[in-house]
Amino acid sequence: MYRSCVSLWERIEQLTWDVASRDIMMTQFFSEAMAIQSREGIQRPIHGIMTGTSSKRKEPNARRAKKAAKKVAAKSSSESSPNLSHPPVYLSYTLRGYEDGQRFERTLTSLDRWAAQAADTLSVNLSTRPLPLLKSANDYDDELDTSCDSPLANHSAEPALLPDLSVTLRQKSSVFIGGQIWDTSFVLSCWFYARQALGKVDVGGLKICEVGAGIGLLSLTLGALDAHVTTTDLAEVVPILQGNLDLNPAISRSVVAHAVDWGDANAPPPPGYPFDLIVACDCIYSEVSSSDLALCLARLCSPKTVVYVVSEVRNESIQAAFAASIEPLFDVAFKNVQEEMWPFIPPELRSHQMRFYVLTPKKQSGEKHLV
């Protein structure tokens, strides 16, 4: 067996015409020779087999073999975890509206809250493949595309992990803060979409309630992923929500809009109760409302419900007020945003100013959660 190894090595050394092929064969040889050495009790070092000399001298070929082996191991390791440089989801959104009396249209791939909230309508596109540039402002179309058939269906020959998602939304900035889009809606929509595409989670069939849904981007994304969604906000915001459901009939079949006032302790449970998951995006915005939000989340929970509260941290005192309100009601944990969110969202959406609460009702032992 030892002589066979030497013979194999000699043939490998003849492959000087193809360094890459030789290094691959050397890596395989190195692993096999070590196994033989261990199995048969061969005392001669492996690099001695490769050179036919003693162990005192290490030839360049041996070093190359070890480097090649390290490259193979590094490649295997990188393939087992998400690559932060190449997220599995791509986002673009087109804003339309009026600016200084002039109609405008612009397409963005990064977060710009002021620009997004100034628009009258948004067309949001999610894909597992790189998105092309959308039409320019000169090609502005008076009629909104409400078909929900993605305009990006043929943008890449690369197979999609999930069907491309296109959502059309209208907003009214004059209707309190709930009538506008907020950054965490983009972030959490991308996060759920990417995790579903990679098989990390399957929300299909889950009963989900979004609290403070605003104009409904996240609810519609979850509906497109086949979840049964109850999307809620104040009564004056619900017409905007319902209008956006109507604009997106292909992905809103399993989504219903319902008014929920956080401070109404006597309100009956909304449609879909009990829920597997409750989500709230950017709902922590004042110390006064923090207690009402916490109590509302508790009322919407069944013993097995999980609650995700994702918030941009603008004021630590407000976050502290919310934390104090949920402490007696929930077991509280946090997702590490950098480790558990960033690998699944585009680099342009990553922020250290994001906090991700995971709440579960104070429960008896033995109860399990689906999410």
Protein backbone atom coordinates (compact mmCIF):
# COMPACT_ATOMS: atom_id res chain seq x y z
CA MET A 1 0.00 0.00 0.00
CA TYR A 2 2.87 2.35 0.80
CA ARG A 3 4.45 1.75 -2.63
CA SER A 4 1.07 2.43 -4.26
CA CYS A 5 0.98 5.79 -2.53
CA VAL A 6 4.46 6.63 -3.79
CA SER A 7 3.47 5.61 -7.33
CA LEU A 8 0.33 7.74 -7.18
CA TRP A 9 2.34 10.71 -5.98
CA GLU A 10 4.79 10.35 -8.86
CA ARG A 11 1.91 10.49 -11.34
CA ILE A 12 0.52 13.58 -9.63
CA GLU A 13 3.86 15.35 -9.90
CA GLN A 14 3.78 14.84 -13.67
CA LEU A 15 0.71 17.09 -13.93
CA THR A 16 2.80 20.24 -14.18
CA TRP A 17 0.68 21.42 -17.11
CA ASP A 18 -2.40 21.94 -14.92
CA VAL A 19 -1.62 23.37 -11.49
CA ALA A 20 -5.28 23.52 -10.43
CA SER A 21 -5.93 19.85 -11.27
CA ARG A 22 -2.70 18.82 -9.61
CA ASP A 23 -3.55 20.68 -6.41
CA ILE A 24 -6.97 19.02 -6.24
CA MET A 25 -5.42 15.56 -6.69
CA MET A 26 -2.76 16.41 -4.12
CA THR A 27 -5.46 17.33 -1.61
CA GLN A 28 -7.25 14.04 -2.17
CA PHE A 29 -3.97 12.15 -1.95
CA PHE A 30 -2.99 13.90 1.26
CA SER A 31 -6.25 12.88 2.97
CA GLU A 32 -6.10 9.28 1.71
CA ALA A 33 -2.45 8.86 2.67
CA MET A 34 -3.13 10.07 6.20
CA ALA A 35 -5.92 7.51 6.51
CA ILE A 36 -3.57 4.75 5.32
CA GLN A 37 -0.90 5.88 7.74
CA SER A 38 -3.33 5.73 10.63
CA ARG A 39 -4.84 2.39 9.60
CA GLU A 40 -1.60 0.52 8.90
CA GLY A 41 0.62 2.11 11.51
CA ILE A 42 3.06 3.59 8.98
CA GLN A 43 5.60 5.68 10.86
CA ARG A 44 7.01 7.54 7.88
CA PRO A 45 5.58 11.10 7.66
CA ILE A 46 3.18 11.87 4.82
CA HIS A 47 5.43 14.50 3.25
CA GLY A 48 8.15 11.84 3.29
CA ILE A 49 5.93 9.67 1.10
CA MET A 50 5.35 12.57 -1.27
CA THR A 51 9.04 13.38 -1.68
CA GLY A 52 10.64 9.98 -1.09
CA THR A 53 12.89 11.67 1.48
CA SER A 54 13.01 12.04 5.24
CA SER A 55 10.77 14.34 7.24
CA LYS A 56 13.48 16.93 7.68
CA ARG A 57 12.65 18.63 4.40
CA LYS A 58 9.26 19.98 3.34
CA GLU A 59 8.92 20.39 -0.40
CA PRO A 60 6.77 23.16 -1.93
CA ASN A 61 4.34 20.53 -3.24
CA ALA A 62 3.51 19.51 0.31
CA ARG A 63 2.82 23.08 1.29
CA ARG A 64 0.61 23.52 -1.76
CA ALA A 65 -1.34 20.41 -0.82
CA LYS A 66 -1.99 21.73 2.66
CA LYS A 67 -3.05 25.11 1.30
CA ALA A 68 -5.40 23.44 -1.14
CA ALA A 69 -6.89 21.39 1.69
CA LYS A 70 -7.46 24.57 3.70
CA LYS A 71 -9.19 26.19 0.71
CA VAL A 72 -11.52 23.20 0.37
CA ALA A 73 -12.34 23.38 4.09
CA ALA A 74 -12.91 27.13 3.93
CA LYS A 75 -15.22 26.77 0.92
CA SER A 76 -17.21 24.07 2.68
CA SER A 77 -17.53 26.24 5.78
CA SER A 78 -18.66 29.29 3.81
CA GLU A 79 -21.30 27.29 1.96
CA SER A 80 -22.82 26.14 5.25
CA SER A 81 -23.68 29.67 6.42
CA PRO A 82 -25.24 32.73 4.75
CA ASN A 83 -22.87 35.05 2.91
CA LEU A 84 -23.26 38.62 4.12
CA SER A 85 -21.87 39.96 0.84
CA HIS A 86 -24.47 38.22 -1.31
CA PRO A 87 -27.87 38.36 0.42
CA PRO A 88 -30.55 35.96 -0.81
CA VAL A 89 -33.02 38.80 -1.42
CA TYR A 90 -32.96 41.93 -3.55
CA LEU A 91 -35.18 44.96 -2.90
CA SER A 92 -36.15 47.89 -5.07
CA TYR A 93 -39.06 50.27 -4.67
CA THR A 94 -40.37 52.96 -6.97
CA LEU A 95 -41.85 56.14 -5.49
CA ARG A 96 -44.42 58.27 -7.30
CA GLY A 97 -45.97 61.55 -6.26
CA TYR A 98 -45.68 65.32 -6.51
CA GLU A 99 -42.76 67.51 -5.50
CA ASP A 100 -42.99 71.31 -5.78
CA GLY A 101 -46.05 70.84 -7.97
CA GLN A 102 -44.23 68.51 -10.35
CA ARG A 103 -44.92 64.82 -10.74
CA PHE A 104 -41.91 62.66 -9.90
CA GLU A 105 -40.86 59.03 -9.99
CA ARG A 106 -37.67 57.56 -8.57
CA THR A 107 -36.45 54.05 -7.81
CA LEU A 108 -34.44 53.25 -4.68
CA THR A 109 -32.67 50.18 -3.32
CA SER A 110 -31.73 51.62 0.08
CA LEU A 111 -33.76 53.01 2.96
CA ASP A 112 -34.82 56.66 2.68
CA ARG A 113 -37.71 57.28 5.05
CA TRP A 114 -38.26 60.90 4.09
CA ALA A 115 -38.38 60.14 0.38
CA ALA A 116 -40.61 57.11 0.90
CA GLN A 117 -43.08 58.98 3.11
CA ALA A 118 -43.28 61.88 0.65
CA ALA A 119 -44.60 59.61 -2.11
CA ASP A 120 -48.27 59.02 -2.85
CA THR A 121 -47.72 55.49 -4.17
CA LEU A 122 -44.98 52.88 -3.91
CA SER A 123 -44.24 49.83 -6.03
CA VAL A 124 -42.13 47.43 -3.96
CA ASN A 125 -40.28 44.54 -5.59
CA LEU A 126 -38.62 41.60 -3.85
CA SER A 127 -36.66 38.90 -5.66
CA THR A 128 -34.09 36.21 -4.96
CA ARG A 129 -32.35 37.32 -8.17
CA PRO A 130 -30.66 40.65 -8.96
CA LEU A 131 -33.21 43.24 -10.03
CA PRO A 132 -32.81 45.30 -13.20
CA LEU A 133 -33.18 49.04 -13.30
CA LEU A 134 -36.84 49.94 -13.53
CA LYS A 135 -38.22 52.53 -15.90
CA SER A 136 -37.06 56.09 -15.56
CA ALA A 137 -39.03 59.14 -14.47
CA ASN A 138 -39.59 60.01 -18.13
CA ASP A 139 -41.61 56.83 -18.54
CA TYR A 140 -44.10 57.71 -15.80
CA ASP A 141 -47.35 55.81 -16.17
CA ASP A 142 -50.56 57.50 -15.03
CA GLU A 143 -52.23 54.16 -14.43
CA LEU A 144 -51.10 52.02 -11.53
CA ASP A 145 -50.28 48.40 -12.31
CA THR A 146 -52.52 46.48 -9.93
CA SER A 147 -52.23 43.06 -11.51
CA CYS A 148 -49.53 41.93 -9.05
CA ASP A 149 -47.90 39.96 -11.85
CA SER A 150 -44.28 40.87 -11.31
CA PRO A 151 -42.84 43.09 -14.06
CA LEU A 152 -39.52 41.42 -13.32
CA ALA A 153 -40.48 37.90 -14.34
CA ASN A 154 -37.87 37.66 -17.08
CA HIS A 155 -35.10 39.73 -15.54
CA SER A 156 -32.65 36.85 -15.04
CA ALA A 157 -31.99 33.38 -16.37
CA GLU A 158 -31.03 32.33 -12.86
CA PRO A 159 -33.80 30.20 -11.28
CA ALA A 160 -35.74 31.95 -8.52
CA LEU A 161 -35.94 30.39 -5.06
CA LEU A 162 -39.36 32.02 -4.70
CA PRO A 163 -41.61 33.79 -7.22
CA ASP A 164 -40.76 37.46 -7.51
CA LEU A 165 -43.02 39.64 -5.38
CA SER A 166 -44.43 42.98 -6.51
CA VAL A 167 -46.63 45.05 -4.18
CA THR A 168 -48.41 48.30 -5.05
CA LEU A 169 -49.20 50.59 -2.10
CA ARG A 170 -50.93 53.93 -1.60
CA GLN A 171 -50.34 56.06 1.47
CA LYS A 172 -51.66 59.27 3.03
CA SER A 173 -49.14 61.16 5.10
CA SER A 174 -51.91 63.34 6.54
CA VAL A 175 -53.48 60.41 8.43
CA PHE A 176 -51.49 60.24 11.67
CA ILE A 177 -48.22 58.25 11.52
CA GLY A 178 -50.02 55.03 10.60
CA GLY A 179 -50.77 56.19 7.08
CA GLN A 180 -47.11 56.03 6.00
CA ILE A 181 -44.45 53.44 5.24
CA TRP A 182 -41.74 52.89 7.87
CA ASP A 183 -38.26 51.43 7.37
CA THR A 184 -38.72 48.30 9.47
CA SER A 185 -41.56 47.21 7.17
CA PHE A 186 -39.02 46.90 4.34
CA VAL A 187 -36.53 45.13 6.61
CA LEU A 188 -38.92 42.56 8.05
CA SER A 189 -40.54 41.91 4.66
CA CYS A 190 -37.11 41.10 3.20
CA TRP A 191 -36.24 38.98 6.24
CA PHE A 192 -39.35 36.80 6.05
CA TYR A 193 -39.12 36.52 2.24
CA ALA A 194 -35.44 35.48 2.29
CA ARG A 195 -35.84 32.99 5.13
CA GLN A 196 -38.81 31.41 3.36
CA ALA A 197 -36.79 31.21 0.12
CA LEU A 198 -33.94 29.42 1.90
CA GLY A 199 -36.20 27.04 3.78
CA LYS A 200 -35.29 28.52 7.17
CA VAL A 201 -38.97 29.02 7.99
CA ASP A 202 -42.33 28.27 6.41
CA VAL A 203 -45.08 30.69 7.38
CA GLY A 204 -47.55 29.04 5.01
CA GLY A 205 -50.71 28.19 6.93
CA LEU A 206 -49.70 30.08 10.08
CA LYS A 207 -52.20 32.50 11.59
CA ILE A 208 -50.42 35.84 11.90
CA CYS A 209 -51.60 39.19 13.24
CA GLU A 210 -49.78 42.41 12.42
CA VAL A 211 -50.31 45.19 14.95
CA GLY A 212 -49.87 48.75 13.72
CA ALA A 213 -49.68 47.55 10.12
CA GLY A 214 -49.78 51.02 8.56
CA ILE A 215 -50.14 50.70 4.79
CA GLY A 216 -49.70 46.92 4.88
CA LEU A 217 -46.40 46.01 3.18
CA LEU A 218 -45.43 43.33 5.70
CA SER A 219 -48.94 41.89 5.89
CA LEU A 220 -49.11 41.58 2.10
CA THR A 221 -45.65 39.97 2.00
CA LEU A 222 -46.75 37.38 4.56
CA GLY A 223 -49.96 36.84 2.60
CA ALA A 224 -47.89 36.19 -0.53
CA LEU A 225 -46.02 33.54 1.49
CA ASP A 226 -49.38 31.80 2.13
CA ALA A 227 -49.87 32.89 5.74
CA HIS A 228 -53.36 33.69 7.04
CA VAL A 229 -52.95 37.32 8.07
CA THR A 230 -55.08 39.68 10.14
CA THR A 231 -53.69 43.15 9.48
CA THR A 232 -54.69 45.75 12.09
CA ASP A 233 -54.39 49.44 12.87
CA LEU A 234 -56.52 52.29 14.16
CA ALA A 235 -59.97 52.73 12.63
CA GLU A 236 -58.89 55.79 10.62
CA VAL A 237 -56.03 53.83 9.02
CA VAL A 238 -58.02 50.70 8.10
CA PRO A 239 -59.48 52.26 4.89
CA ILE A 240 -55.91 52.75 3.64
CA LEU A 241 -55.08 49.17 4.58
CA GLN A 242 -58.18 47.81 2.87
CA GLY A 243 -57.48 49.90 -0.21
CA ASN A 244 -54.02 48.37 -0.51
CA LEU A 245 -55.44 44.87 -0.10
CA ASP A 246 -57.78 45.67 -2.98
CA LEU A 247 -54.85 46.92 -5.08
CA ASN A 248 -53.10 43.55 -4.66
CA PRO A 249 -55.80 40.88 -5.06
CA ALA A 250 -53.43 38.09 -6.08
CA ILE A 251 -51.55 38.16 -2.77
CA SER A 252 -54.26 39.43 -0.39
CA ARG A 253 -56.70 36.54 -0.62
CA SER A 254 -55.66 35.32 2.84
CA VAL A 255 -55.34 38.80 4.39
CA VAL A 256 -58.13 40.61 6.27
CA ALA A 257 -58.05 44.17 7.66
CA HIS A 258 -59.47 44.95 11.09
CA ALA A 259 -59.48 47.96 13.42
CA VAL A 260 -57.65 47.49 16.72
CA ASP A 261 -57.26 50.25 19.31
CA TRP A 262 -54.43 49.39 21.68
CA GLY A 263 -56.15 51.14 24.56
CA ASP A 264 -59.51 49.36 24.20
CA ALA A 265 -59.35 46.61 26.81
CA ASN A 266 -62.96 45.53 26.13
CA ALA A 267 -62.64 44.98 22.37
CA PRO A 268 -63.46 41.45 21.16
CA PRO A 269 -60.61 39.43 19.60
CA PRO A 270 -60.01 40.22 15.91
CA PRO A 271 -60.68 37.68 13.14
CA GLY A 272 -58.20 34.82 13.08
CA TYR A 273 -57.69 34.63 16.84
CA PRO A 274 -55.88 32.72 18.35
CA PHE A 275 -52.67 33.53 16.47
CA ASP A 276 -49.45 31.61 16.02
CA LEU A 277 -47.43 34.79 15.53
CA ILE A 278 -47.95 38.49 16.18
CA VAL A 279 -45.67 41.06 14.54
CA ALA A 280 -45.28 44.76 15.24
CA CYS A 281 -43.01 47.06 13.19
CA ASP A 282 -41.92 50.45 14.51
CA CYS A 283 -44.74 50.60 17.05
CA ILE A 284 -42.53 51.79 19.93
CA TYR A 285 -42.68 55.55 19.39
CA SER A 286 -43.75 57.13 22.69
CA GLU A 287 -43.57 56.40 26.40
CA VAL A 288 -47.29 57.10 26.74
CA SER A 289 -48.33 54.45 24.22
CA SER A 290 -45.82 51.79 25.35
CA SER A 291 -48.04 50.46 28.10
CA ASP A 292 -51.09 50.29 25.81
CA LEU A 293 -49.04 48.43 23.19
CA ALA A 294 -47.79 45.88 25.72
CA LEU A 295 -51.30 45.25 27.09
CA CYS A 296 -52.73 44.97 23.57
CA LEU A 297 -50.11 42.39 22.59
CA ALA A 298 -50.90 40.41 25.74
CA ARG A 299 -54.65 40.44 24.97
CA LEU A 300 -54.03 39.19 21.42
CA CYS A 301 -51.89 36.29 22.63
CA SER A 302 -52.94 32.75 23.33
CA PRO A 303 -50.63 30.62 25.52
CA LYS A 304 -48.65 29.41 22.47
CA THR A 305 -48.35 32.70 20.58
CA VAL A 306 -44.94 34.19 19.74
CA VAL A 307 -44.60 37.97 19.35
CA TYR A 308 -41.99 39.73 17.20
CA VAL A 309 -41.55 43.43 17.93
CA VAL A 310 -39.01 45.12 15.66
CA SER A 311 -38.18 48.74 16.31
CA GLU A 312 -35.76 51.37 15.10
CA VAL A 313 -34.14 52.73 18.24
CA ARG A 314 -34.57 56.50 18.18
CA ASN A 315 -34.89 57.10 21.92
CA GLU A 316 -33.62 54.74 24.62
CA SER A 317 -36.03 56.09 27.24
CA ILE A 318 -38.97 55.04 25.07
CA GLN A 319 -37.45 51.58 24.62
CA ALA A 320 -36.96 51.37 28.38
CA ALA A 321 -40.61 52.27 28.97
CA PHE A 322 -41.72 49.50 26.62
CA ALA A 323 -39.33 47.02 28.27
CA ALA A 324 -40.78 47.85 31.68
CA SER A 325 -44.32 47.37 30.35
CA ILE A 326 -43.71 43.93 28.84
CA GLU A 327 -41.62 42.53 31.70
CA PRO A 328 -44.56 41.36 33.89
CA LEU A 329 -46.49 40.00 30.89
CA PHE A 330 -43.93 38.17 28.76
CA ASP A 331 -40.77 36.15 28.78
CA VAL A 332 -38.45 38.45 26.83
CA ALA A 333 -35.59 37.54 24.50
CA PHE A 334 -33.78 39.40 21.74
CA LYS A 335 -32.54 38.37 18.34
CA ASN A 336 -28.97 39.37 17.56
CA VAL A 337 -29.70 41.68 14.63
CA GLN A 338 -26.24 41.40 13.09
CA GLU A 339 -26.13 37.59 13.29
CA GLU A 340 -29.79 36.69 12.80
CA MET A 341 -31.08 39.42 10.46
CA TRP A 342 -28.20 40.79 8.41
CA PRO A 343 -27.47 37.53 6.51
CA PHE A 344 -31.04 37.63 5.15
CA ILE A 345 -31.41 41.28 4.14
CA PRO A 346 -29.63 43.49 1.57
CA PRO A 347 -26.59 45.41 2.85
CA GLU A 348 -28.40 48.71 2.23
CA LEU A 349 -31.00 47.76 4.87
CA ARG A 350 -28.61 46.75 7.65
CA SER A 351 -28.59 48.99 10.69
CA HIS A 352 -27.24 48.79 14.22
CA GLN A 353 -30.18 50.95 15.34
CA MET A 354 -32.64 48.06 15.06
CA ARG A 355 -33.95 46.11 18.05
CA PHE A 356 -35.73 42.77 17.68
CA TYR A 357 -37.80 41.63 20.68
CA VAL A 358 -39.06 38.05 20.87
CA LEU A 359 -41.89 37.77 23.39
CA THR A 360 -43.73 34.72 24.66
CA PRO A 361 -46.54 34.88 27.22
CA LYS A 362 -45.63 33.85 30.74
CA LYS A 363 -46.47 30.18 30.40
CA GLN A 364 -46.69 26.88 32.16
CA SER A 365 -44.02 24.24 31.53
CA GLY A 366 -44.64 21.90 28.61
CA GLU A 367 -46.22 24.46 26.27
CA LYS A 368 -44.60 24.77 22.84
CA HIS A 369 -44.58 27.51 20.23
CA LEU A 370 -44.81 27.03 16.46
CA VAL A 371 -42.49 29.90 15.45
